[in-house]
């Protein structure tokens, strides 16, 4: 915060004027009480104005500093909903949370431990919960791009297609082995294929959200992961929930009843 330079200039002018008046009075020998009183009054007023302006600037500076501190401290780790951070996802904890949750969402290019994930997901659905898996469309141009960032051609597409097959097997198992109604399974056990650029892996339960970024040259499971609380209002929670809603609206809902890799919503995007 800067001082009021206009007011400072006026005060300086008044001080100089008062000093000139005093010098004039002393030089002419006209030691007028009126002239001296006027000079001293001008000096007093100028000094008081300067002092008041200085304290005003200090108060404004403090207010601004306090405001900035509040803005910054408002996004501290605890108040931003961050529970903990770590390297990689705690998959064992996540699988346990899937079985205990009423609903669970996974967003990945593909999940690296598909069978363990689907075992937990089947238990969730058998307990009347809802499981949604979002994985990258195997024919998306971004599937090819992700392979290039990992330095391994056809790596993503192969894993995604295997995961689609595993998801279909789990769907049939819920109906044929566990006796669940096909309509209920179709409603509560869902596979989405998204065609947009993958940016982050997300695991969302009713109480928390784990997310980690996709890195150049390595999978999200090998990078840092952050756990966000869903039981309190915080901006990461809102952003991640909105991201999933947008992804749900734009993804292909895969028909697990059909023995085909074709989605049921959109034509396949162009390959590179």
C-alpha atoms as a PDB file:
ATOM      1  CA  UNK A   1       0.000   0.000   0.000  1.00  0.00           C
ATOM      2  CA  UNK A   2       1.463   3.401  -1.009  1.00  0.00           C
ATOM      3  CA  UNK A   3       1.205   6.707   0.794  1.00  0.00           C
ATOM      4  CA  UNK A   4      -1.096   9.472  -0.441  1.00  0.00           C
ATOM      5  CA  UNK A   5       1.511  11.392  -2.442  1.00  0.00           C
ATOM      6  CA  UNK A   6      -0.896  14.242  -3.255  1.00  0.00           C
ATOM      7  CA  UNK A   7      -1.542  14.837   0.435  1.00  0.00           C
ATOM      8  CA  UNK A   8       2.177  14.552   1.173  1.00  0.00           C
ATOM      9  CA  UNK A   9       2.932  17.214  -1.424  1.00  0.00           C
ATOM     10  CA  UNK A  10       0.367  19.579   0.111  1.00  0.00           C
ATOM     11  CA  UNK A  11       1.782  19.036   3.598  1.00  0.00           C
ATOM     12  CA  UNK A  12       5.305  19.660   2.351  1.00  0.00           C
ATOM     13  CA  UNK A  13       4.171  22.897   0.681  1.00  0.00           C
ATOM     14  CA  UNK A  14       2.509  24.044   3.914  1.00  0.00           C
ATOM     15  CA  UNK A  15       5.655  23.322   5.941  1.00  0.00           C
ATOM     16  CA  UNK A  16       7.802  25.258   3.500  1.00  0.00           C
ATOM     17  CA  UNK A  17       5.314  28.149   3.541  1.00  0.00           C
ATOM     18  CA  UNK A  18       5.332  28.250   7.347  1.00  0.00           C
ATOM     19  CA  UNK A  19       9.127  28.234   7.480  1.00  0.00           C
ATOM     20  CA  UNK A  20       9.290  31.062   4.927  1.00  0.00           C
ATOM     21  CA  UNK A  21       6.860  33.093   7.010  1.00  0.00           C
ATOM     22  CA  UNK A  22       8.997  32.586  10.133  1.00  0.00           C
ATOM     23  CA  UNK A  23      12.160  33.537   8.225  1.00  0.00           C
ATOM     24  CA  UNK A  24      10.443  36.598   6.815  1.00  0.00           C
ATOM     25  CA  UNK A  25       9.299  37.624  10.289  1.00  0.00           C
ATOM     26  CA  UNK A  26      12.786  37.173  11.745  1.00  0.00           C
ATOM     27  CA  UNK A  27      14.503  38.903   8.790  1.00  0.00           C
ATOM     28  CA  UNK A  28      12.296  42.002   8.811  1.00  0.00           C
ATOM     29  CA  UNK A  29      12.318  42.242  12.583  1.00  0.00           C
ATOM     30  CA  UNK A  30       8.556  42.268  12.505  1.00  0.00           C
ATOM     31  CA  UNK A  31       8.038  39.731  15.255  1.00  0.00           C
ATOM     32  CA  UNK A  32       4.281  39.731  14.808  1.00  0.00           C
ATOM     33  CA  UNK A  33       2.420  37.422  17.168  1.00  0.00           C
ATOM     34  CA  UNK A  34      -0.232  36.972  14.506  1.00  0.00           C
ATOM     35  CA  UNK A  35       2.299  36.013  11.837  1.00  0.00           C
ATOM     36  CA  UNK A  36       4.165  33.650  14.161  1.00  0.00           C
ATOM     37  CA  UNK A  37       0.937  32.089  15.384  1.00  0.00           C
ATOM     38  CA  UNK A  38      -0.177  31.522  11.811  1.00  0.00           C
ATOM     39  CA  UNK A  39       3.156  29.902  10.947  1.00  0.00           C
ATOM     40  CA  UNK A  40       3.058  27.580  13.955  1.00  0.00           C
ATOM     41  CA  UNK A  41      -0.545  26.667  13.229  1.00  0.00           C
ATOM     42  CA  UNK A  42       0.364  25.732   9.656  1.00  0.00           C
ATOM     43  CA  UNK A  43       3.286  23.606  10.888  1.00  0.00           C
ATOM     44  CA  UNK A  44       1.092  21.864  13.475  1.00  0.00           C
ATOM     45  CA  UNK A  45      -1.657  21.150  10.928  1.00  0.00           C
ATOM     46  CA  UNK A  46       0.816  19.802   8.372  1.00  0.00           C
ATOM     47  CA  UNK A  47       2.512  17.510  10.904  1.00  0.00           C
ATOM     48  CA  UNK A  48      -0.829  16.220  12.196  1.00  0.00           C
ATOM     49  CA  UNK A  49      -2.032  15.561   8.646  1.00  0.00           C
ATOM     50  CA  UNK A  50       1.195  13.703   7.852  1.00  0.00           C
ATOM     51  CA  UNK A  51       0.886  11.602  11.032  1.00  0.00           C
ATOM     52  CA  UNK A  52      -2.767  10.739  10.398  1.00  0.00           C
ATOM     53  CA  UNK A  53      -1.980   9.785   6.789  1.00  0.00           C
ATOM     54  CA  UNK A  54       0.886   7.557   7.923  1.00  0.00           C
ATOM     55  CA  UNK A  55      -1.292   5.655  10.403  1.00  0.00           C
ATOM     56  CA  UNK A  56      -4.021   5.375   7.767  1.00  0.00           C
ATOM     57  CA  UNK A  57      -1.555   3.793   5.345  1.00  0.00           C
ATOM     58  CA  UNK A  58      -0.361   1.376   8.032  1.00  0.00           C
ATOM     59  CA  UNK A  59      -3.958   0.408   8.851  1.00  0.00           C
ATOM     60  CA  UNK A  60      -4.786  -0.173   5.187  1.00  0.00           C
ATOM     61  CA  UNK A  61      -1.628  -2.247   4.778  1.00  0.00           C
ATOM     62  CA  UNK A  62      -2.569  -4.376   7.791  1.00  0.00           C
ATOM     63  CA  UNK A  63      -6.114  -4.863   6.500  1.00  0.00           C
ATOM     64  CA  UNK A  64      -4.786  -5.934   3.109  1.00  0.00           C
ATOM     65  CA  UNK A  65      -2.273  -8.302   4.701  1.00  0.00           C
ATOM     66  CA  UNK A  66      -4.972  -9.818   6.918  1.00  0.00           C
ATOM     67  CA  UNK A  67      -7.255 -10.287   3.913  1.00  0.00           C
ATOM     68  CA  UNK A  68      -4.515 -12.059   1.919  1.00  0.00           C
ATOM     69  CA  UNK A  69      -3.703 -14.266   4.903  1.00  0.00           C
ATOM     70  CA  UNK A  70      -7.359 -15.229   5.253  1.00  0.00           C
ATOM     71  CA  UNK A  71      -7.581 -16.018   1.550  1.00  0.00           C
ATOM     72  CA  UNK A  72      -4.513 -18.222   1.670  1.00  0.00           C
ATOM     73  CA  UNK A  73      -5.230 -19.907   4.969  1.00  0.00           C
ATOM     74  CA  UNK A  74      -8.776 -20.621   3.753  1.00  0.00           C
ATOM     75  CA  UNK A  75      -7.254 -23.234   1.443  1.00  0.00           C
ATOM     76  CA  UNK A  76      -5.033 -24.982   3.960  1.00  0.00           C
ATOM     77  CA  UNK A  77      -4.824 -28.757   3.667  1.00  0.00           C
ATOM     78  CA  UNK A  78      -7.355 -29.490   6.394  1.00  0.00           C
ATOM     79  CA  UNK A  79      -9.880 -26.866   5.269  1.00  0.00           C
ATOM     80  CA  UNK A  80      -9.507 -27.961   1.627  1.00  0.00           C
ATOM     81  CA  UNK A  81     -10.717 -31.441   2.504  1.00  0.00           C
ATOM     82  CA  UNK A  82      -7.349 -33.184   2.118  1.00  0.00           C
ATOM     83  CA  UNK A  83      -7.168 -36.176   4.436  1.00  0.00           C
ATOM     84  CA  UNK A  84      -3.780 -37.527   3.408  1.00  0.00           C
ATOM     85  CA  UNK A  85      -1.350 -37.900   0.505  1.00  0.00           C
ATOM     86  CA  UNK A  86       0.889 -40.791  -0.444  1.00  0.00           C
ATOM     87  CA  UNK A  87       2.711 -42.451  -3.342  1.00  0.00           C
ATOM     88  CA  UNK A  88       0.293 -44.677  -5.255  1.00  0.00           C
ATOM     89  CA  UNK A  89      -3.245 -45.682  -4.361  1.00  0.00           C
ATOM     90  CA  UNK A  90      -3.931 -47.781  -1.238  1.00  0.00           C
ATOM     91  CA  UNK A  91      -5.715 -50.427  -3.286  1.00  0.00           C
ATOM     92  CA  UNK A  92      -6.312 -52.850  -0.415  1.00  0.00           C
ATOM     93  CA  UNK A  93      -8.056 -50.090   1.548  1.00  0.00           C
ATOM     94  CA  UNK A  94      -9.986 -49.063  -1.554  1.00  0.00           C
ATOM     95  CA  UNK A  95     -11.226 -52.621  -2.167  1.00  0.00           C
ATOM     96  CA  UNK A  96     -12.443 -52.841   1.424  1.00  0.00           C
ATOM     97  CA  UNK A  97     -14.165 -49.483   1.075  1.00  0.00           C
ATOM     98  CA  UNK A  98     -15.935 -50.667  -2.098  1.00  0.00           C
ATOM     99  CA  UNK A  99     -17.549 -53.543  -0.221  1.00  0.00           C
ATOM    100  CA  UNK A 100     -18.696 -51.211   2.593  1.00  0.00           C
ATOM    101  CA  UNK A 101     -19.968 -48.344   0.470  1.00  0.00           C
ATOM    102  CA  UNK A 102     -23.451 -47.760  -0.934  1.00  0.00           C
ATOM    103  CA  UNK A 103     -22.018 -46.550  -4.243  1.00  0.00           C
ATOM    104  CA  UNK A 104     -18.565 -46.456  -5.764  1.00  0.00           C
ATOM    105  CA  UNK A 105     -17.099 -44.849  -8.896  1.00  0.00           C
ATOM    106  CA  UNK A 106     -13.779 -45.651 -10.565  1.00  0.00           C
ATOM    107  CA  UNK A 107     -12.250 -43.552 -13.354  1.00  0.00           C
ATOM    108  CA  UNK A 108      -9.144 -44.953 -15.032  1.00  0.00           C
ATOM    109  CA  UNK A 109      -7.635 -45.601 -18.432  1.00  0.00           C
ATOM    110  CA  UNK A 110      -7.907 -49.170 -17.165  1.00  0.00           C
ATOM    111  CA  UNK A 111      -7.612 -50.525 -13.648  1.00  0.00           C
ATOM    112  CA  UNK A 112      -4.267 -52.299 -13.115  1.00  0.00           C
ATOM    113  CA  UNK A 113      -5.692 -54.964 -10.764  1.00  0.00           C
ATOM    114  CA  UNK A 114      -8.957 -55.704 -12.526  1.00  0.00           C
ATOM    115  CA  UNK A 115      -9.943 -59.013 -10.943  1.00  0.00           C
ATOM    116  CA  UNK A 116      -9.554 -57.788  -7.353  1.00  0.00           C
ATOM    117  CA  UNK A 117     -11.506 -54.651  -8.222  1.00  0.00           C
ATOM    118  CA  UNK A 118     -14.384 -56.600  -9.773  1.00  0.00           C
ATOM    119  CA  UNK A 119     -14.530 -59.082  -6.889  1.00  0.00           C
ATOM    120  CA  UNK A 120     -15.099 -56.158  -4.527  1.00  0.00           C
ATOM    121  CA  UNK A 121     -17.560 -54.579  -6.994  1.00  0.00           C
ATOM    122  CA  UNK A 122     -19.636 -57.778  -7.207  1.00  0.00           C
ATOM    123  CA  UNK A 123     -19.894 -57.903  -3.429  1.00  0.00           C
ATOM    124  CA  UNK A 124     -21.061 -54.285  -3.451  1.00  0.00           C
ATOM    125  CA  UNK A 125     -23.781 -55.019  -6.029  1.00  0.00           C
ATOM    126  CA  UNK A 126     -24.902 -58.152  -4.153  1.00  0.00           C
ATOM    127  CA  UNK A 127     -25.449 -55.863  -1.150  1.00  0.00           C
ATOM    128  CA  UNK A 128     -27.697 -53.607  -3.272  1.00  0.00           C
ATOM    129  CA  UNK A 129     -24.967 -51.043  -3.911  1.00  0.00           C
ATOM    130  CA  UNK A 130     -24.050 -49.374  -7.184  1.00  0.00           C
ATOM    131  CA  UNK A 131     -20.733 -49.684  -8.996  1.00  0.00           C
ATOM    132  CA  UNK A 132     -19.638 -47.581 -11.977  1.00  0.00           C
ATOM    133  CA  UNK A 133     -16.400 -48.080 -13.885  1.00  0.00           C
ATOM    134  CA  UNK A 134     -15.161 -45.480 -16.389  1.00  0.00           C
ATOM    135  CA  UNK A 135     -12.310 -46.589 -18.638  1.00  0.00           C
ATOM    136  CA  UNK A 136     -10.854 -45.157 -21.824  1.00  0.00           C
ATOM    137  CA  UNK A 137     -12.458 -46.296 -25.067  1.00  0.00           C
ATOM    138  CA  UNK A 138     -10.056 -48.819 -26.650  1.00  0.00           C
ATOM    139  CA  UNK A 139     -10.475 -47.184 -30.070  1.00  0.00           C
ATOM    140  CA  UNK A 140     -10.106 -43.602 -28.878  1.00  0.00           C
ATOM    141  CA  UNK A 141      -7.316 -41.547 -30.404  1.00  0.00           C
ATOM    142  CA  UNK A 142      -6.252 -40.808 -26.818  1.00  0.00           C
ATOM    143  CA  UNK A 143      -5.707 -44.507 -26.214  1.00  0.00           C
ATOM    144  CA  UNK A 144      -2.966 -44.382 -28.831  1.00  0.00           C
ATOM    145  CA  UNK A 145      -1.657 -41.156 -27.318  1.00  0.00           C
ATOM    146  CA  UNK A 146      -1.513 -42.684 -23.836  1.00  0.00           C
ATOM    147  CA  UNK A 147       0.526 -45.586 -25.204  1.00  0.00           C
ATOM    148  CA  UNK A 148       3.009 -43.099 -26.605  1.00  0.00           C
ATOM    149  CA  UNK A 149       3.398 -41.351 -23.249  1.00  0.00           C
ATOM    150  CA  UNK A 150       4.078 -44.754 -21.665  1.00  0.00           C
ATOM    151  CA  UNK A 151       6.433 -45.759 -24.486  1.00  0.00           C
ATOM    152  CA  UNK A 152       4.586 -49.012 -25.205  1.00  0.00           C
ATOM    153  CA  UNK A 153       2.487 -49.484 -28.362  1.00  0.00           C
ATOM    154  CA  UNK A 154      -0.915 -51.231 -28.013  1.00  0.00           C
ATOM    155  CA  UNK A 155      -0.377 -51.492 -24.266  1.00  0.00           C
ATOM    156  CA  UNK A 156      -3.484 -49.540 -23.231  1.00  0.00           C
ATOM    157  CA  UNK A 157      -5.825 -51.008 -25.833  1.00  0.00           C
ATOM    158  CA  UNK A 158      -4.937 -54.578 -24.862  1.00  0.00           C
ATOM    159  CA  UNK A 159      -5.531 -53.941 -21.162  1.00  0.00           C
ATOM    160  CA  UNK A 160      -8.766 -52.048 -21.798  1.00  0.00           C
ATOM    161  CA  UNK A 161     -10.223 -54.787 -23.982  1.00  0.00           C
ATOM    162  CA  UNK A 162      -9.296 -57.389 -21.361  1.00  0.00           C
ATOM    163  CA  UNK A 163     -11.004 -55.292 -18.699  1.00  0.00           C
ATOM    164  CA  UNK A 164     -14.167 -54.999 -20.790  1.00  0.00           C
ATOM    165  CA  UNK A 165     -14.249 -58.791 -21.106  1.00  0.00           C
ATOM    166  CA  UNK A 166     -13.701 -59.170 -17.355  1.00  0.00           C
ATOM    167  CA  UNK A 167     -16.500 -56.710 -16.656  1.00  0.00           C
ATOM    168  CA  UNK A 168     -18.843 -58.736 -18.879  1.00  0.00           C
ATOM    169  CA  UNK A 169     -17.846 -61.968 -17.097  1.00  0.00           C
ATOM    170  CA  UNK A 170     -18.572 -60.328 -13.737  1.00  0.00           C
ATOM    171  CA  UNK A 171     -21.941 -59.131 -15.047  1.00  0.00           C
ATOM    172  CA  UNK A 172     -22.896 -62.665 -16.103  1.00  0.00           C
ATOM    173  CA  UNK A 173     -21.617 -64.064 -12.804  1.00  0.00           C
ATOM    174  CA  UNK A 174     -23.911 -61.763 -10.822  1.00  0.00           C
ATOM    175  CA  UNK A 175     -26.900 -63.071 -12.776  1.00  0.00           C
ATOM    176  CA  UNK A 176     -26.070 -66.733 -13.346  1.00  0.00           C
ATOM    177  CA  UNK A 177     -24.102 -67.596 -10.198  1.00  0.00           C
ATOM    178  CA  UNK A 178     -25.561 -65.220  -7.622  1.00  0.00           C
ATOM    179  CA  UNK A 179     -29.128 -65.158  -8.924  1.00  0.00           C
ATOM    180  CA  UNK A 180     -29.541 -61.395  -9.209  1.00  0.00           C
ATOM    181  CA  UNK A 181     -32.179 -59.930 -11.476  1.00  0.00           C
ATOM    182  CA  UNK A 182     -30.710 -58.838 -14.815  1.00  0.00           C
ATOM    183  CA  UNK A 183     -32.460 -55.445 -14.715  1.00  0.00           C
ATOM    184  CA  UNK A 184     -31.065 -54.741 -11.248  1.00  0.00           C
ATOM    185  CA  UNK A 185     -27.571 -55.727 -12.322  1.00  0.00           C
ATOM    186  CA  UNK A 186     -27.816 -53.575 -15.437  1.00  0.00           C
ATOM    187  CA  UNK A 187     -28.820 -50.606 -13.280  1.00  0.00           C
ATOM    188  CA  UNK A 188     -26.241 -51.092 -10.525  1.00  0.00           C
ATOM    189  CA  UNK A 189     -23.242 -52.541 -12.373  1.00  0.00           C
ATOM    190  CA  UNK A 190     -22.225 -50.123 -15.114  1.00  0.00           C
ATOM    191  CA  UNK A 191     -19.349 -49.754 -17.526  1.00  0.00           C
ATOM    192  CA  UNK A 192     -18.692 -46.452 -19.294  1.00  0.00           C
ATOM    193  CA  UNK A 193     -16.208 -45.891 -22.111  1.00  0.00           C
ATOM    194  CA  UNK A 194     -14.990 -42.315 -22.367  1.00  0.00           C
ATOM    195  CA  UNK A 195     -13.332 -40.853 -25.440  1.00  0.00           C
ATOM    196  CA  UNK A 196     -11.780 -37.690 -24.010  1.00  0.00           C
ATOM    197  CA  UNK A 197      -8.167 -37.173 -22.997  1.00  0.00           C
ATOM    198  CA  UNK A 198      -7.423 -39.044 -19.732  1.00  0.00           C
ATOM    199  CA  UNK A 199      -6.112 -36.711 -17.048  1.00  0.00           C
ATOM    200  CA  UNK A 200      -6.580 -38.331 -13.632  1.00  0.00           C
ATOM    201  CA  UNK A 201      -7.471 -41.616 -11.964  1.00  0.00           C
ATOM    202  CA  UNK A 202     -10.343 -41.272  -9.472  1.00  0.00           C
ATOM    203  CA  UNK A 203     -11.784 -43.631  -6.844  1.00  0.00           C
ATOM    204  CA  UNK A 204     -14.908 -42.188  -5.217  1.00  0.00           C
ATOM    205  CA  UNK A 205     -16.805 -43.710  -2.310  1.00  0.00           C
ATOM    206  CA  UNK A 206     -19.516 -42.163  -0.153  1.00  0.00           C
ATOM    207  CA  UNK A 207     -16.982 -40.801   2.338  1.00  0.00           C
ATOM    208  CA  UNK A 208     -13.865 -39.926   0.334  1.00  0.00           C
ATOM    209  CA  UNK A 209     -12.299 -39.483  -3.107  1.00  0.00           C
ATOM    210  CA  UNK A 210      -8.853 -40.680  -4.090  1.00  0.00           C
ATOM    211  CA  UNK A 211      -7.297 -39.127  -7.173  1.00  0.00           C
ATOM    212  CA  UNK A 212      -3.930 -39.125  -8.898  1.00  0.00           C
ATOM    213  CA  UNK A 213      -2.660 -37.626 -12.149  1.00  0.00           C
ATOM    214  CA  UNK A 214      -1.584 -39.507 -15.271  1.00  0.00           C
ATOM    215  CA  UNK A 215       2.138 -38.897 -15.719  1.00  0.00           C
ATOM    216  CA  UNK A 216       4.432 -38.871 -18.714  1.00  0.00           C
ATOM    217  CA  UNK A 217       6.222 -42.209 -18.768  1.00  0.00           C
ATOM    218  CA  UNK A 218       4.469 -43.782 -15.765  1.00  0.00           C
ATOM    219  CA  UNK A 219       1.036 -44.846 -14.597  1.00  0.00           C
ATOM    220  CA  UNK A 220      -1.050 -42.963 -12.040  1.00  0.00           C
ATOM    221  CA  UNK A 221      -0.600 -45.879  -9.625  1.00  0.00           C
ATOM    222  CA  UNK A 222       3.103 -44.989  -9.395  1.00  0.00           C
ATOM    223  CA  UNK A 223       2.603 -41.253  -8.831  1.00  0.00           C
ATOM    224  CA  UNK A 224       1.355 -39.353  -5.796  1.00  0.00           C
ATOM    225  CA  UNK A 225      -2.278 -39.755  -4.732  1.00  0.00           C
ATOM    226  CA  UNK A 226      -4.493 -37.484  -2.638  1.00  0.00           C
ATOM    227  CA  UNK A 227      -7.495 -38.449  -0.503  1.00  0.00           C
ATOM    228  CA  UNK A 228     -10.290 -35.853  -0.281  1.00  0.00           C
ATOM    229  CA  UNK A 229     -13.084 -35.944   2.289  1.00  0.00           C
ATOM    230  CA  UNK A 230     -16.679 -36.110   0.949  1.00  0.00           C
ATOM    231  CA  UNK A 231     -18.292 -35.549   4.345  1.00  0.00           C
ATOM    232  CA  UNK A 232     -17.497 -31.822   4.353  1.00  0.00           C
ATOM    233  CA  UNK A 233     -17.953 -29.069   1.784  1.00  0.00           C
ATOM    234  CA  UNK A 234     -14.649 -28.274   0.029  1.00  0.00           C
ATOM    235  CA  UNK A 235     -13.622 -27.132  -3.430  1.00  0.00           C
ATOM    236  CA  UNK A 236     -11.650 -30.277  -4.523  1.00  0.00           C
ATOM    237  CA  UNK A 237     -14.672 -32.421  -3.721  1.00  0.00           C
ATOM    238  CA  UNK A 238     -16.948 -30.176  -5.806  1.00  0.00           C
ATOM    239  CA  UNK A 239     -14.551 -30.113  -8.757  1.00  0.00           C
ATOM    240  CA  UNK A 240     -14.042 -33.889  -8.767  1.00  0.00           C
ATOM    241  CA  UNK A 241     -17.771 -34.630  -8.434  1.00  0.00           C
ATOM    242  CA  UNK A 242     -18.526 -32.209 -11.284  1.00  0.00           C
ATOM    243  CA  UNK A 243     -15.846 -33.858 -13.401  1.00  0.00           C
ATOM    244  CA  UNK A 244     -17.456 -37.263 -12.920  1.00  0.00           C
ATOM    245  CA  UNK A 245     -20.904 -35.871 -13.795  1.00  0.00           C
ATOM    246  CA  UNK A 246     -19.553 -34.375 -17.021  1.00  0.00           C
ATOM    247  CA  UNK A 247     -17.765 -37.610 -17.831  1.00  0.00           C
ATOM    248  CA  UNK A 248     -20.957 -39.613 -17.228  1.00  0.00           C
ATOM    249  CA  UNK A 249     -22.898 -37.346 -19.590  1.00  0.00           C
ATOM    250  CA  UNK A 250     -20.354 -37.639 -22.407  1.00  0.00           C
ATOM    251  CA  UNK A 251     -19.283 -41.296 -22.106  1.00  0.00           C
ATOM    252  CA  UNK A 252     -20.633 -44.365 -23.885  1.00  0.00           C
ATOM    253  CA  UNK A 253     -22.701 -46.584 -21.581  1.00  0.00           C
ATOM    254  CA  UNK A 254     -21.543 -50.047 -22.560  1.00  0.00           C
ATOM    255  CA  UNK A 255     -24.187 -52.739 -23.075  1.00  0.00           C
ATOM    256  CA  UNK A 256     -22.940 -55.673 -21.014  1.00  0.00           C
ATOM    257  CA  UNK A 257     -25.736 -57.911 -22.319  1.00  0.00           C
ATOM    258  CA  UNK A 258     -24.274 -57.908 -25.817  1.00  0.00           C
ATOM    259  CA  UNK A 259     -21.232 -59.959 -26.737  1.00  0.00           C
ATOM    260  CA  UNK A 260     -19.584 -57.066 -28.554  1.00  0.00           C
ATOM    261  CA  UNK A 261     -17.040 -54.357 -27.968  1.00  0.00           C
ATOM    262  CA  UNK A 262     -19.264 -51.795 -29.678  1.00  0.00           C
ATOM    263  CA  UNK A 263     -20.662 -49.023 -27.442  1.00  0.00           C
ATOM    264  CA  UNK A 264     -24.373 -48.291 -27.553  1.00  0.00           C
ATOM    265  CA  UNK A 265     -24.283 -44.471 -27.625  1.00  0.00           C
ATOM    266  CA  UNK A 266     -21.803 -43.080 -30.136  1.00  0.00           C
ATOM    267  CA  UNK A 267     -19.899 -44.181 -33.247  1.00  0.00           C
ATOM    268  CA  UNK A 268     -16.229 -44.835 -32.607  1.00  0.00           C
ATOM    269  CA  UNK A 269     -13.909 -41.834 -32.922  1.00  0.00           C
ATOM    270  CA  UNK A 270     -11.343 -41.706 -35.682  1.00  0.00           C
ATOM    271  CA  UNK A 271      -8.097 -43.595 -35.119  1.00  0.00           C
ATOM    272  CA  UNK A 272      -4.740 -41.905 -35.671  1.00  0.00           C
END
